[in-house]
Amino acid sequence: MVNARFATLVAMILAAAATRLFPHPPNFTPIGAMALFGGAHFASPLVALAVPLCAMLLSDLLLGFGVHP
C-alpha cells in the first residue's frame, strides 16, 4: 500500500514535469528542481532516482524527445 507521503512526493514531481509542457524559456529549472526535490525527500536512493527519471520520460513522450518540427 502506498502511504500519503510517498503519493504526495510523486504528485509534486509529476506536477513539476508537467510544467515542461507550458511555453517558457529553456526547461532547466523544472528538471533541476525535480531531481533535487526527489533526492532530498525520498528515503530510498533508488526511488529518488527513478521517480524523477520516469516523470521526465513521461513528459518527453508528450514533447517528442526534443525533436522539433
Protein backbone atom coordinates (compact mmCIF):
# COMPACT_ATOMS: atom_id res chain seq x y z
CA MET A 1 0.00 0.00 0.00
CA VAL A 2 1.27 3.47 -0.86
CA ASN A 3 1.48 5.89 2.03
CA ALA A 4 0.32 9.51 1.81
CA ARG A 5 3.83 11.00 1.96
CA PHE A 6 5.06 8.91 -0.98
CA ALA A 7 1.95 9.73 -3.04
CA THR A 8 2.35 13.44 -2.31
CA LEU A 9 6.02 13.42 -3.32
CA VAL A 10 5.28 11.59 -6.56
CA ALA A 11 2.42 14.01 -7.34
CA MET A 12 4.68 17.03 -6.76
CA ILE A 13 7.35 15.62 -9.07
CA LEU A 14 4.78 14.83 -11.76
CA ALA A 15 3.46 18.39 -11.45
CA ALA A 16 6.98 19.73 -11.95
CA ALA A 17 7.35 17.50 -15.03
CA ALA A 18 4.06 18.87 -16.36
CA THR A 19 5.49 22.41 -16.26
CA ARG A 20 7.77 21.35 -19.11
CA LEU A 21 4.69 21.30 -21.34
CA PHE A 22 3.99 25.03 -20.89
CA PRO A 23 5.72 27.63 -23.07
CA HIS A 24 8.71 29.06 -21.21
CA PRO A 25 12.45 29.62 -21.56
CA PRO A 26 14.64 26.50 -21.52
CA ASN A 27 13.30 23.95 -19.06
CA PHE A 28 16.38 23.58 -16.89
CA THR A 29 14.62 24.91 -13.79
CA PRO A 30 11.81 22.32 -13.55
CA ILE A 31 14.18 19.46 -14.31
CA GLY A 32 16.72 20.57 -11.74
CA ALA A 33 14.02 21.17 -9.15
CA MET A 34 12.55 17.69 -9.73
CA ALA A 35 15.91 16.00 -9.33
CA LEU A 36 16.89 17.92 -6.19
CA PHE A 37 13.47 17.54 -4.59
CA GLY A 38 13.34 13.82 -5.27
CA GLY A 39 16.86 13.26 -3.99
CA ALA A 40 16.20 15.21 -0.81
CA HIS A 41 12.81 13.81 0.12
CA PHE A 42 12.60 10.14 -0.86
CA ALA A 43 14.00 7.68 1.66
CA SER A 44 15.25 5.18 -0.90
CA PRO A 45 18.04 6.31 -3.25
CA LEU A 46 16.63 4.07 -5.97
CA VAL A 47 13.19 5.69 -5.74
CA ALA A 48 14.79 9.16 -5.55
CA LEU A 49 16.41 8.45 -8.90
CA ALA A 50 13.60 6.50 -10.55
CA VAL A 51 10.63 8.81 -9.90
CA PRO A 52 12.14 11.99 -11.45
CA LEU A 53 13.51 9.98 -14.39
CA CYS A 54 10.10 8.40 -15.01
CA ALA A 55 8.43 11.81 -14.78
CA MET A 56 10.87 13.20 -17.37
CA LEU A 57 10.28 10.18 -19.60
CA LEU A 58 6.52 10.74 -19.47
CA SER A 59 6.88 14.44 -20.32
CA ASP A 60 9.35 13.61 -23.11
CA LEU A 61 6.78 11.23 -24.60
CA LEU A 62 4.42 14.18 -24.89
CA LEU A 63 7.11 16.60 -26.08
CA GLY A 64 8.60 14.27 -28.69
CA PHE A 65 12.04 13.67 -27.10
CA GLY A 66 13.38 17.07 -28.13
CA VAL A 67 12.61 16.64 -31.82
CA HIS A 68 11.10 19.89 -33.07
CA PRO A 69 9.47 20.18 -36.48
